[in-house]
Each structure stands twice: as structure tokens, then as C-alpha cells.
C-alpha atoms as a PDB file:
ATOM      1  CA  ASP A   1    -101.107  46.589-201.874  1.00  0.00           C
ATOM      2  CA  VAL A   2    -100.716  45.796-198.171  1.00  0.00           C
ATOM      3  CA  VAL A   3     -99.431  49.275-197.331  1.00  0.00           C
ATOM      4  CA  GLY A   4    -102.443  50.861-199.012  1.00  0.00           C
ATOM      5  CA  GLU A   5    -104.862  48.621-197.201  1.00  0.00           C
ATOM      6  CA  LEU A   6    -103.249  49.507-193.879  1.00  0.00           C
ATOM      7  CA  ALA A   7    -104.944  52.892-194.238  1.00  0.00           C
ATOM      8  CA  THR A   8    -108.161  51.082-193.456  1.00  0.00           C
ATOM      9  CA  VAL A   9    -106.604  49.277-190.509  1.00  0.00           C
ATOM     10  CA  ARG A  10    -105.855  52.696-189.009  1.00  0.00           C
ATOM     11  CA  ARG A  11    -109.544  52.974-188.199  1.00  0.00           C
ATOM     12  CA  LEU A  12    -109.645  49.708-186.283  1.00  0.00           C
ATOM     13  CA  SER A  13    -109.983  50.374-182.583  1.00  0.00           C
ATOM     14  CA  GLY A  14    -111.371  47.110-181.283  1.00  0.00           C
ATOM     15  CA  GLY A  15    -111.899  44.782-184.202  1.00  0.00           C
ATOM     16  CA  GLY A  16    -115.593  45.658-184.647  1.00  0.00           C
ATOM     17  CA  ASP A  17    -117.652  43.765-187.257  1.00  0.00           C
ATOM     18  CA  GLU A  18    -118.279  46.842-189.414  1.00  0.00           C
ATOM     19  CA  GLU A  19    -114.605  47.649-189.681  1.00  0.00           C
ATOM     20  CA  GLU A  20    -113.799  44.008-190.453  1.00  0.00           C
ATOM     21  CA  VAL A  21    -116.407  43.914-193.229  1.00  0.00           C
ATOM     22  CA  GLU A  22    -115.175  47.172-194.732  1.00  0.00           C
ATOM     23  CA  LEU A  23    -111.551  46.059-194.681  1.00  0.00           C
ATOM     24  CA  GLN A  24    -112.399  42.694-196.210  1.00  0.00           C
ATOM     25  CA  ARG A  25    -114.506  44.373-198.913  1.00  0.00           C
ATOM     26  CA  ARG A  26    -111.567  46.556-199.908  1.00  0.00           C
ATOM     27  CA  LEU A  27    -109.152  43.659-200.133  1.00  0.00           C
ATOM     28  CA  ASP A  28    -109.446  42.307-203.688  1.00  0.00           C
ATOM     29  CA  SER A  29    -109.072  38.680-204.589  1.00  0.00           C
ATOM     30  CA  SER A  30    -105.354  39.081-205.368  1.00  0.00           C
ATOM     31  CA  ALA A  31    -104.451  40.494-201.969  1.00  0.00           C
ATOM     32  CA  VAL A  32    -102.022  38.365-200.002  1.00  0.00           C
ATOM     33  CA  ALA A  33    -103.143  39.620-196.585  1.00  0.00           C
ATOM     34  CA  THR A  34    -106.539  39.437-194.913  1.00  0.00           C
ATOM     35  CA  ALA A  35    -107.828  41.657-192.139  1.00  0.00           C
ATOM     36  CA  ASP A  36    -106.807  39.043-189.607  1.00  0.00           C
ATOM     37  CA  ASP A  37    -103.363  38.855-191.187  1.00  0.00           C
ATOM     38  CA  LEU A  38    -102.901  42.592-190.824  1.00  0.00           C
ATOM     39  CA  LYS A  39    -104.059  42.720-187.229  1.00  0.00           C
ATOM     40  CA  SER A  40    -101.954  39.711-186.319  1.00  0.00           C
ATOM     41  CA  ALA A  41     -98.898  41.297-187.961  1.00  0.00           C
ATOM     42  CA  PHE A  42     -99.428  44.496-186.000  1.00  0.00           C
ATOM     43  CA  PHE A  43     -99.674  42.773-182.625  1.00  0.00           C
ATOM     44  CA  ASN A  44     -96.764  40.457-183.414  1.00  0.00           C
ATOM     45  CA  ALA A  45     -94.607  43.418-184.407  1.00  0.00           C
ATOM     46  CA  VAL A  46     -95.450  45.350-181.262  1.00  0.00           C
ATOM     47  CA  GLY A  47     -94.859  42.306-179.090  1.00  0.00           C
ATOM     48  CA  GLY A  48     -91.387  41.734-180.487  1.00  0.00           C
ATOM     49  CA  ALA A  49     -90.278  45.381-180.591  1.00  0.00           C
ATOM     50  CA  THR A  50     -87.908  47.175-178.219  1.00  0.00           C
ATOM     51  CA  VAL A  51     -87.162  50.839-177.545  1.00  0.00           C
ATOM     52  CA  GLN A  52     -83.663  52.318-177.649  1.00  0.00           C
ATOM     53  CA  LEU A  53     -82.426  55.742-176.596  1.00  0.00           C
ATOM     54  CA  VAL A  54     -79.898  57.197-179.004  1.00  0.00           C
ATOM     55  CA  THR A  55     -78.083  60.450-179.578  1.00  0.00           C
ATOM     56  CA  PHE A  56     -76.084  61.696-182.517  1.00  0.00           C
ATOM     57  CA  ALA A  57     -72.360  61.509-183.089  1.00  0.00           C
ATOM     58  CA  GLN A  58     -70.641  64.861-182.876  1.00  0.00           C
ATOM     59  CA  ASP A  59     -70.261  65.211-186.623  1.00  0.00           C
ATOM     60  CA  GLY A  60     -73.824  64.063-187.279  1.00  0.00           C
ATOM     61  CA  ASN A  61     -76.177  66.164-189.370  1.00  0.00           C
ATOM     62  CA  TYR A  62     -78.665  66.600-186.543  1.00  0.00           C
ATOM     63  CA  ILE A  63     -76.468  67.400-183.564  1.00  0.00           C
ATOM     64  CA  ALA A  64     -77.491  71.079-183.288  1.00  0.00           C
ATOM     65  CA  GLY A  65     -81.243  70.620-182.988  1.00  0.00           C
ATOM     66  CA  GLN A  66     -84.289  68.817-184.223  1.00  0.00           C
ATOM     67  CA  PRO A  67     -83.606  66.481-187.137  1.00  0.00           C
ATOM     68  CA  GLU A  68     -83.900  68.084-190.570  1.00  0.00           C
ATOM     69  CA  SER A  69     -85.152  65.054-192.450  1.00  0.00           C
ATOM     70  CA  GLU A  70     -88.384  64.049-194.105  1.00  0.00           C
ATOM     71  CA  SER A  71     -88.271  60.725-192.237  1.00  0.00           C
ATOM     72  CA  PRO A  72     -86.046  61.216-189.176  1.00  0.00           C
ATOM     73  CA  LEU A  73     -87.320  58.122-187.382  1.00  0.00           C
ATOM     74  CA  ALA A  74     -86.723  55.983-190.462  1.00  0.00           C
ATOM     75  CA  ASP A  75     -83.225  57.443-190.830  1.00  0.00           C
ATOM     76  CA  LEU A  76     -82.391  56.643-187.218  1.00  0.00           C
ATOM     77  CA  LEU A  77     -83.793  53.140-187.425  1.00  0.00           C
ATOM     78  CA  ASP A  78     -81.658  52.546-190.499  1.00  0.00           C
ATOM     79  CA  ALA A  79     -78.618  53.874-188.634  1.00  0.00           C
ATOM     80  CA  ILE A  80     -79.269  51.464-185.751  1.00  0.00           C
ATOM     81  CA  GLN A  81     -79.837  48.431-187.954  1.00  0.00           C
ATOM     82  CA  ASN A  82     -77.294  49.201-190.694  1.00  0.00           C
ATOM     83  CA  PRO A  83     -74.579  51.354-189.089  1.00  0.00           C
ATOM     84  CA  SER A  84     -72.012  50.700-191.828  1.00  0.00           C
ATOM     85  CA  ASN A  85     -74.358  51.769-194.627  1.00  0.00           C
ATOM     86  CA  SER A  86     -76.177  54.657-192.970  1.00  0.00           C
ATOM     87  CA  ARG A  87     -75.334  58.297-193.614  1.00  0.00           C
ATOM     88  CA  GLN A  88     -76.354  59.139-190.045  1.00  0.00           C
ATOM     89  CA  ALA A  89     -73.993  58.315-187.180  1.00  0.00           C
ATOM     90  CA  VAL A  90     -75.792  57.522-183.931  1.00  0.00           C
ATOM     91  CA  ILE A  91     -74.726  56.349-180.497  1.00  0.00           C
ATOM     92  CA  THR A  92     -76.896  54.032-178.447  1.00  0.00           C
ATOM     93  CA  LEU A  93     -77.214  55.127-174.827  1.00  0.00           C
ATOM     94  CA  PRO A  94     -75.998  54.644-172.213  1.00  0.00           C
ATOM     95  CA  GLN A  95     -73.064  52.740-173.700  1.00  0.00           C
ATOM     96  CA  GLY A  96     -70.213  54.291-175.596  1.00  0.00           C
ATOM     97  CA  TRP A  97     -70.118  57.995-174.864  1.00  0.00           C
ATOM     98  CA  PRO A  98     -69.673  59.383-171.358  1.00  0.00           C
ATOM     99  CA  GLY A  99     -70.454  63.054-171.042  1.00  0.00           C
ATOM    100  CA  VAL A 100     -73.045  62.819-173.785  1.00  0.00           C
ATOM    101  CA  LEU A 101     -74.925  65.908-172.590  1.00  0.00           C
ATOM    102  CA  ASP A 102     -73.271  69.209-173.399  1.00  0.00           C
ATOM    103  CA  THR A 103     -74.656  72.286-171.653  1.00  0.00           C
ATOM    104  CA  ASN A 104     -73.164  74.624-174.282  1.00  0.00           C
ATOM    105  CA  ARG A 105     -75.426  73.546-177.122  1.00  0.00           C
ATOM    106  CA  THR A 106     -78.792  72.023-177.884  1.00  0.00           C
ATOM    107  CA  MET A 107     -78.740  68.271-177.454  1.00  0.00           C
ATOM    108  CA  VAL A 108     -81.231  65.841-178.974  1.00  0.00           C
ATOM    109  CA  ILE A 109     -82.099  62.443-177.508  1.00  0.00           C
ATOM    110  CA  ALA A 110     -84.327  60.091-179.507  1.00  0.00           C
ATOM    111  CA  ALA A 111     -86.511  57.177-178.387  1.00  0.00           C
ATOM    112  CA  ILE A 112     -86.659  54.738-181.302  1.00  0.00           C
ATOM    113  CA  VAL A 113     -89.013  51.772-181.592  1.00  0.00           C
ATOM    114  CA  VAL A 114     -86.856  48.991-183.008  1.00  0.00           C
ATOM    115  CA  PRO A 115     -88.591  45.919-184.509  1.00  0.00           C
ATOM    116  CA  ASP A 116     -87.398  42.412-183.854  1.00  0.00           C
ATOM    117  CA  VAL A 117     -84.609  41.300-186.167  1.00  0.00           C
ATOM    118  CA  ASN A 118     -86.804  38.438-187.383  1.00  0.00           C
ATOM    119  CA  ALA A 119     -89.860  40.590-188.101  1.00  0.00           C
ATOM    120  CA  THR A 120     -91.536  39.912-191.423  1.00  0.00           C
ATOM    121  CA  THR A 121     -92.080  42.533-194.105  1.00  0.00           C
ATOM    122  CA  LEU A 122     -95.772  42.664-193.259  1.00  0.00           C
ATOM    123  CA  GLU A 123     -94.991  43.150-189.557  1.00  0.00           C
ATOM    124  CA  LEU A 124     -92.580  45.990-190.364  1.00  0.00           C
ATOM    125  CA  GLU A 125     -95.205  47.712-192.486  1.00  0.00           C
ATOM    126  CA  ALA A 126     -97.865  47.255-189.805  1.00  0.00           C
ATOM    127  CA  LEU A 127     -95.588  48.665-187.090  1.00  0.00           C
ATOM    128  CA  ALA A 128     -94.867  51.708-189.232  1.00  0.00           C
ATOM    129  CA  TRP A 129     -98.550  52.671-188.962  1.00  0.00           C
ATOM    130  CA  ALA A 130     -98.631  52.442-185.181  1.00  0.00           C
ATOM    131  CA  ARG A 131     -99.063  55.611-183.139  1.00  0.00           C
ATOM    132  CA  SER A 132     -96.700  56.309-180.263  1.00  0.00           C
ATOM    133  CA  ARG A 133     -97.255  58.548-177.260  1.00  0.00           C
ATOM    134  CA  VAL A 134     -94.001  59.471-175.513  1.00  0.00           C
ATOM    135  CA  THR A 135     -93.525  60.957-172.051  1.00  0.00           C
ATOM    136  CA  TRP A 136     -90.049  62.239-171.148  1.00  0.00           C
ATOM    137  CA  ASN A 137     -88.614  62.768-167.684  1.00  0.00           C
ATOM    138  CA  LEU A 138     -85.281  64.171-166.561  1.00  0.00           C
ATOM    139  CA  GLN A 139     -83.674  63.985-163.120  1.00  0.00           C
ATOM    140  CA  GLY A 140     -80.426  65.769-162.301  1.00  0.00           C
ATOM    141  CA  ALA A 141     -78.744  68.971-161.185  1.00  0.00           C
ATOM    142  CA  THR A 142     -80.149  71.862-163.206  1.00  0.00           C
ATOM    143  CA  VAL A 143     -79.343  75.561-163.439  1.00  0.00           C
ATOM    144  CA  ASN A 144     -83.003  76.520-162.924  1.00  0.00           C
ATOM    145  CA  LYS A 145     -85.768  74.705-161.102  1.00  0.00           C
ATOM    146  CA  ARG A 146     -87.665  74.133-164.347  1.00  0.00           C
ATOM    147  CA  VAL A 147     -85.927  72.658-167.373  1.00  0.00           C
ATOM    148  CA  GLU A 148     -87.273  73.942-170.684  1.00  0.00           C
ATOM    149  CA  THR A 149     -87.358  71.149-173.246  1.00  0.00           C
ATOM    150  CA  THR A 150     -89.251  70.227-176.388  1.00  0.00           C
ATOM    151  CA  PRO A 151     -91.577  68.435-175.857  1.00  0.00           C
ATOM    152  CA  GLU A 152     -92.301  69.507-172.290  1.00  0.00           C
ATOM    153  CA  LEU A 153     -91.155  67.096-169.615  1.00  0.00           C
ATOM    154  CA  GLU A 154     -93.738  64.838-167.934  1.00  0.00           C
ATOM    155  CA  HIS A 155     -96.370  65.691-170.572  1.00  0.00           C
ATOM    156  CA  PRO A 156     -97.382  62.885-172.966  1.00  0.00           C
ATOM    157  CA  ALA A 157     -96.751  63.887-176.577  1.00  0.00           C
ATOM    158  CA  LEU A 158     -98.136  62.010-179.565  1.00  0.00           C
ATOM    159  CA  GLY A 159     -95.146  61.227-181.757  1.00  0.00           C
ATOM    160  CA  GLY A 160     -92.768  62.956-179.333  1.00  0.00           C
ATOM    161  CA  HIS A 161     -89.805  60.717-180.112  1.00  0.00           C
ATOM    162  CA  PHE A 162     -87.199  63.509-179.991  1.00  0.00           C
ATOM    163  CA  LEU A 163     -86.290  65.306-176.761  1.00  0.00           C
ATOM    164  CA  SER A 164     -84.515  68.611-177.415  1.00  0.00           C
ATOM    165  CA  ILE A 165     -82.557  70.080-174.471  1.00  0.00           C
ATOM    166  CA  PRO A 166     -81.489  73.713-175.106  1.00  0.00           C
ATOM    167  CA  PRO A 167     -78.142  75.087-173.847  1.00  0.00           C
ATOM    168  CA  ALA A 168     -77.385  76.322-170.319  1.00  0.00           C
ATOM    169  CA  GLN A 169     -79.903  74.039-168.567  1.00  0.00           C
ATOM    170  CA  MET A 170     -77.742  71.456-166.808  1.00  0.00           C
ATOM    171  CA  MET A 171     -74.982  71.833-164.236  1.00  0.00           C
ATOM    172  CA  PHE A 172     -71.451  71.084-165.397  1.00  0.00           C
ATOM    173  CA  GLY A 173     -70.159  67.708-164.234  1.00  0.00           C
ATOM    174  CA  SER A 174     -73.517  66.515-162.913  1.00  0.00           C
ATOM    175  CA  GLN A 175     -75.282  63.207-163.467  1.00  0.00           C
ATOM    176  CA  VAL A 176     -78.568  63.124-165.367  1.00  0.00           C
ATOM    177  CA  ASP A 177     -81.140  60.348-165.709  1.00  0.00           C
ATOM    178  CA  ILE A 178     -83.294  60.611-168.826  1.00  0.00           C
ATOM    179  CA  THR A 179     -86.376  58.386-169.047  1.00  0.00           C
ATOM    180  CA  ALA A 180     -88.706  57.830-171.986  1.00  0.00           C
ATOM    181  CA  GLN A 181     -92.080  56.146-171.481  1.00  0.00           C
ATOM    182  CA  VAL A 182     -93.328  54.996-174.875  1.00  0.00           C
ATOM    183  CA  GLU A 183     -96.875  53.749-175.415  1.00  0.00           C
ATOM    184  CA  ILE A 184     -97.745  52.002-178.676  1.00  0.00           C
ATOM    185  CA  HIS A 185    -101.329  52.566-179.793  1.00  0.00           C
ATOM    186  CA  LEU A 186    -103.483  51.076-182.515  1.00  0.00           C
ATOM    187  CA  PRO A 187    -103.509  52.897-185.846  1.00  0.00           C
ATOM    188  CA  GLY A 188    -106.293  55.431-186.122  1.00  0.00           C
ATOM    189  CA  ASP A 189    -107.240  58.968-187.094  1.00  0.00           C
ATOM    190  CA  GLU A 190    -107.938  60.344-183.624  1.00  0.00           C
ATOM    191  CA  PRO A 191    -105.234  60.981-180.986  1.00  0.00           C
ATOM    192  CA  PRO A 192    -105.287  58.298-178.293  1.00  0.00           C
ATOM    193  CA  ASP A 193    -107.077  59.281-175.126  1.00  0.00           C
ATOM    194  CA  LEU A 194    -104.827  60.015-172.148  1.00  0.00           C
ATOM    195  CA  CYS A 195    -106.621  57.260-170.234  1.00  0.00           C
ATOM    196  CA  ASP A 196    -105.842  54.701-172.931  1.00  0.00           C
ATOM    197  CA  ALA A 197    -102.879  52.574-171.891  1.00  0.00           C
ATOM    198  CA  GLY A 198    -102.153  51.471-175.433  1.00  0.00           C
ATOM    199  CA  VAL A 199    -101.277  48.068-176.819  1.00  0.00           C
ATOM    200  CA  ARG A 200     -97.872  47.991-175.134  1.00  0.00           C
ATOM    201  CA  GLN A 201     -95.824  50.228-172.861  1.00  0.00           C
ATOM    202  CA  PHE A 202     -92.049  50.628-172.735  1.00  0.00           C
ATOM    203  CA  GLU A 203     -89.829  52.484-170.288  1.00  0.00           C
ATOM    204  CA  VAL A 204     -86.136  53.017-170.938  1.00  0.00           C
ATOM    205  CA  THR A 205     -83.630  55.108-168.954  1.00  0.00           C
ATOM    206  CA  ALA A 206     -80.113  56.315-169.649  1.00  0.00           C
ATOM    207  CA  SER A 207     -77.823  57.662-166.932  1.00  0.00           C
ATOM    208  CA  LEU A 208     -75.563  60.281-168.466  1.00  0.00           C
ATOM    209  CA  SER A 209     -72.890  62.703-167.398  1.00  0.00           C
ATOM    210  CA  VAL A 210     -73.033  66.378-168.271  1.00  0.00           C
ATOM    211  CA  ASN A 211     -69.724  67.192-169.879  1.00  0.00           C
ATOM    212  CA  GLN A 212     -67.389  69.366-167.824  1.00  0.00           C
ATOM    213  CA  PRO A 213     -65.785  71.945-170.155  1.00  0.00           C
ATOM    214  CA  PRO A 214     -62.074  72.778-170.067  1.00  0.00           C
ATOM    215  CA  ALA A 215     -61.017  74.652-166.924  1.00  0.00           C
ATOM    216  CA  ALA A 216     -58.255  76.777-165.392  1.00  0.00           C
ATOM    217  CA  GLY A 217     -56.880  78.043-168.702  1.00  0.00           C
ATOM    218  CA  PHE A 218     -55.097  81.362-169.195  1.00  0.00           C
ATOM    219  CA  ALA A 219     -54.337  83.524-172.226  1.00  0.00           C
ATOM    220  CA  GLU A 220     -50.901  85.141-172.395  1.00  0.00           C
ATOM    221  CA  ILE A 221     -49.477  87.701-174.787  1.00  0.00           C
ATOM    222  CA  SER A 222     -46.055  88.979-175.735  1.00  0.00           C
ATOM    223  CA  SER A 223     -45.812  91.924-178.128  1.00  0.00           C
ATOM    224  CA  GLN A 224     -43.265  94.017-179.965  1.00  0.00           C
ATOM    225  CA  MET A 225     -43.050  96.576-182.782  1.00  0.00           C
ATOM    226  CA  VAL A 226     -41.579  95.171-185.996  1.00  0.00           C
ATOM    227  CA  SER A 227     -41.109  97.584-188.914  1.00  0.00           C
ATOM    228  CA  GLY A 228     -43.967  99.757-187.714  1.00  0.00           C
ATOM    229  CA  ILE A 229     -46.349  96.824-187.207  1.00  0.00           C
ATOM    230  CA  PHE A 230     -47.623  95.701-183.814  1.00  0.00           C
ATOM    231  CA  LEU A 231     -46.717  91.978-183.554  1.00  0.00           C
ATOM    232  CA  CYS A 232     -48.404  89.846-180.883  1.00  0.00           C
ATOM    233  CA  GLU A 233     -47.798  86.252-179.922  1.00  0.00           C
ATOM    234  CA  LEU A 234     -50.888  84.784-178.233  1.00  0.00           C
ATOM    235  CA  THR A 235     -50.657  81.626-176.139  1.00  0.00           C
ATOM    236  CA  GLN A 236     -53.111  79.574-174.070  1.00  0.00           C
ATOM    237  CA  THR A 237     -51.785  77.545-171.155  1.00  0.00           C
ATOM    238  CA  GLN A 238     -52.729  75.457-168.101  1.00  0.00           C
ATOM    239  CA  TRP A 239     -56.003  74.073-169.413  1.00  0.00           C
ATOM    240  CA  THR A 240     -57.274  70.911-167.701  1.00  0.00           C
ATOM    241  CA  ASP A 241     -59.891  68.554-169.091  1.00  0.00           C
ATOM    242  CA  SER A 242     -60.752  64.859-169.287  1.00  0.00           C
ATOM    243  CA  ASN A 243     -61.803  64.800-172.952  1.00  0.00           C
ATOM    244  CA  PHE A 244     -58.751  65.464-175.070  1.00  0.00           C
ATOM    245  CA  PRO A 245     -57.599  66.650-177.539  1.00  0.00           C
ATOM    246  CA  LEU A 246     -58.266  70.327-176.946  1.00  0.00           C
ATOM    247  CA  GLN A 247     -58.663  72.926-179.666  1.00  0.00           C
ATOM    248  CA  TYR A 248     -58.003  76.660-179.325  1.00  0.00           C
ATOM    249  CA  ARG A 249     -59.335  79.903-180.747  1.00  0.00           C
ATOM    250  CA  PHE A 250     -58.504  83.595-180.281  1.00  0.00           C
ATOM    251  CA  GLU A 251     -60.650  86.714-180.631  1.00  0.00           C
ATOM    252  CA  ALA A 252     -60.008  90.449-180.412  1.00  0.00           C
ATOM    253  CA  GLU A 253     -62.613  92.998-179.288  1.00  0.00           C
ATOM    254  CA  ASP A 254     -62.323  96.710-179.963  1.00  0.00           C
ATOM    255  CA  VAL A 255     -63.110  98.485-176.693  1.00  0.00           C
ATOM    256  CA  ASP A 256     -64.547 101.618-178.352  1.00  0.00           C
ATOM    257  CA  SER A 257     -66.723 100.040-181.059  1.00  0.00           C
ATOM    258  CA  GLY A 258     -67.395  96.644-179.474  1.00  0.00           C
ATOM    259  CA  GLU A 259     -66.490  94.965-182.754  1.00  0.00           C
ATOM    260  CA  VAL A 260     -65.189  91.414-182.339  1.00  0.00           C
ATOM    261  CA  VAL A 261     -62.756  89.890-184.824  1.00  0.00           C
ATOM    262  CA  VAL A 262     -61.930  86.174-184.850  1.00  0.00           C
ATOM    263  CA  LEU A 263     -58.142  85.933-185.019  1.00  0.00           C
ATOM    264  CA  SER A 264     -57.989  82.188-185.600  1.00  0.00           C
ATOM    265  CA  ASP A 265     -60.296  79.299-186.353  1.00  0.00           C
ATOM    266  CA  TRP A 266     -60.267  76.255-184.074  1.00  0.00           C
ATOM    267  CA  SER A 267     -56.811  74.697-184.052  1.00  0.00           C
ATOM    268  CA  PHE A 268     -54.919  72.112-182.047  1.00  0.00           C
ATOM    269  CA  VAL A 269     -52.045  74.603-181.742  1.00  0.00           C
ATOM    270  CA  PRO A 270     -52.354  76.807-178.607  1.00  0.00           C
ATOM    271  CA  THR A 271     -50.213  79.627-180.038  1.00  0.00           C
ATOM    272  CA  ARG A 272     -51.046  82.216-182.683  1.00  0.00           C
ATOM    273  CA  MET A 273     -49.046  85.098-184.199  1.00  0.00           C
ATOM    274  CA  VAL A 274     -51.166  88.141-185.161  1.00  0.00           C
ATOM    275  CA  PHE A 275     -50.383  91.570-186.577  1.00  0.00           C
ATOM    276  CA  PHE A 276     -52.063  94.906-185.848  1.00  0.00           C
ATOM    277  CA  LEU A 277     -51.522  98.270-187.504  1.00  0.00           C
ATOM    278  CA  PRO A 278     -50.748 100.918-184.859  1.00  0.00           C
ATOM    279  CA  ARG A 279     -53.623 103.300-184.093  1.00  0.00           C
ATOM    280  CA  THR A 280     -53.743 106.214-181.702  1.00  0.00           C
ATOM    281  CA  GLN A 281     -54.942 105.057-178.292  1.00  0.00           C
ATOM    282  CA  THR A 282     -56.888 102.073-179.650  1.00  0.00           C
ATOM    283  CA  THR A 283     -57.432  99.343-177.069  1.00  0.00           C
ATOM    284  CA  LYS A 284     -58.029  95.699-177.966  1.00  0.00           C
ATOM    285  CA  VAL A 285     -59.174  92.994-175.558  1.00  0.00           C
ATOM    286  CA  LEU A 286     -57.708  89.654-176.588  1.00  0.00           C
ATOM    287  CA  ARG A 287     -59.533  86.496-175.505  1.00  0.00           C
ATOM    288  CA  GLY A 288     -58.725  82.822-175.773  1.00  0.00           C
ATOM    289  CA  TYR A 289     -61.128  79.887-175.886  1.00  0.00           C
ATOM    290  CA  ALA A 290     -60.606  76.146-175.547  1.00  0.00           C
ATOM    291  CA  ARG A 291     -62.873  73.371-176.817  1.00  0.00           C
ATOM    292  CA  ASP A 292     -62.633  69.768-175.632  1.00  0.00           C
ATOM    293  CA  GLY A 293     -63.105  66.530-177.503  1.00  0.00           C
ATOM    294  CA  LEU A 294     -66.881  66.524-176.875  1.00  0.00           C
ATOM    295  CA  GLY A 295     -67.351  70.096-178.040  1.00  0.00           C
ATOM    296  CA  SER A 296     -67.689  72.004-174.744  1.00  0.00           C
ATOM    297  CA  VAL A 297     -66.198  75.505-174.895  1.00  0.00           C
ATOM    298  CA  MET A 298     -64.773  77.709-172.143  1.00  0.00           C
ATOM    299  CA  GLU A 299     -63.163  81.152-172.217  1.00  0.00           C
ATOM    300  CA  ALA A 300     -59.687  81.524-170.756  1.00  0.00           C
ATOM    301  CA  ALA A 301     -59.448  83.476-167.510  1.00  0.00           C
ATOM    302  CA  GLU A 302     -58.163  87.054-167.438  1.00  0.00           C
ATOM    303  CA  PRO A 303     -58.462  88.361-171.021  1.00  0.00           C
ATOM    304  CA  VAL A 304     -55.527  90.549-172.040  1.00  0.00           C
ATOM    305  CA  SER A 305     -55.886  94.223-173.004  1.00  0.00           C
ATOM    306  CA  VAL A 306     -53.366  95.880-175.322  1.00  0.00           C
ATOM    307  CA  VAL A 307     -53.120  99.491-176.448  1.00  0.00           C
ATOM    308  CA  LEU A 308     -52.129 100.010-180.082  1.00  0.00           C
ATOM    309  CA  ARG A 309     -50.108 103.226-180.289  1.00  0.00           C
END
């Protein structure tokens, strides 16, 4: 079993005689791969590999944070190589999705080691045992001087293939350069030393825009009493954005209790009819929100207060 024998290869650091003898001893006479075969497959696989930066389509399972999968790297690699058959929708950066960063929610960028399309089965198995050390860097206009990410920027992280950027870190409408430095190291049990340059180094950068949310929108209200019920027509107007279509939502907050009630789920219709039962000197603050095609949300200016009498 080549995969089983690769556990022994993990201990190879420089091809020493003792390791070679041990590996050869454990390979029985029916094995199709020798120690040299395994090492050659590993170096061939690393030599032919590339690194791609990807993010997740808006309706992807992982868009809100770190991937919730037993094998997230394998899932992403499958999505890259077999997009029509994969359950996970990914977008290769920097092509295809301007405004990929959204400052209203956690965004995840992944650095994926992609084997050569002509790699053999043995080379694919050998590459799967490689250890990667990833260093992320981010340049762009930020809200605070220090950007809090996982893993930490500019700090090498063993296996740190996923960069998680929490909300409210980047400036709306700014340009961001995200760089991943990926070092491929020999299989082994101990973490690679920081001075070890690894078998091969990759550096890949994506220049991205931070999505500008909808702007300049207003919420308007017209109200009347109908058969003892307070009838309100809520409307949102004058929104501007570059990522249509927009969706709209309305909320009502009770001034005295602070309770917030969602009056409508997200809808492409900017108008909503709502009913309130009259109450003595009860004040409601009605708010409107708009969400653009990339998911950025903004509250409409000048929320409207109404008194239910």
C-alpha cells in the first residue's frame, strides 16, 4: 500500500542511509514503489505544482468563516479541478469577481496547492503528505493600523492555507493586495524550522477591491388609520450602487423597550405595507436596509419615527 508506506517517508529529511534501509525493509516484495520511487514522485509533484488563491461563491457553504469540512483543502482542490461535479463553488482570484472583499462579514481566502494536470497517482499521493508553511500579507486602506486576521499576518503558519478576515477591517471602496507565500517542506513529524527554506517556494498575489455598499438611500413612510388599525406604507428610495440587483428589508424598534421586530425579509421590492395596533403614546422607529449583489448591507439615512395613538 503506497499510501501506508508514505508514513515512513514522512521521516525522511535528507535521504539518510538508515531511513532508506528502514523504508526498504518495510516495503514487501509485492510493493510497486521503492523508496527512490516515492522520493522521486514527491519531488516531481512539487516541481510541477502551482498555487492558486481562491475565495468562495456567495452561496457557498463556507462563506461566513473557516471551512466546516473534514478535508477542506481536498474539497477546494476538487472544486478547482472538477467545477461541474463539485458541491463547493469557488472563484479563482483575481479573475471573475471584482469587489470580492466585503467589510460587512468575515471573508475567507484560501491558498491551494494544485498539482500538475498530468501528475501520476503516486505523485498525487506523495504531494498529499507534504507539509506547507504559509505566510500571508495584506496591503491596503484599513480602518485600524493593525488588521486582525487568522492566521496573523506576516507570521509563518504551518498549514495556514486559509486566511480569515473579520468584518469592519477594510475601508469601503479601497484596493487591497493579498499575498500568500507558500513553502513546501518534506514530510516529517516535526514542524519545519523557520530557517528551512523548504523544497520549493511559491508567492501569489491577488489585487482586490473592497466592495462599496449601497449609498444615499432614504426610508419614507405614509400612514393612515383604517378601521382602527394603524396602516403604514414603507418605501426605500434613491439608493446608488454598482452591484445590482438590490434587496431591501425593514425593521421596527420600540423606543421604550428597545425591542426590534423584522417587518420584512430581504426582498427585491422596495415597498412594504405593515399594520400596527394603536397603543397609547407608543413610539416606533422604522428603519430600512439595502443589500447589494455582493452582500454588502447599509442602513437608509434618517430612520422614521411614528407614534401609535
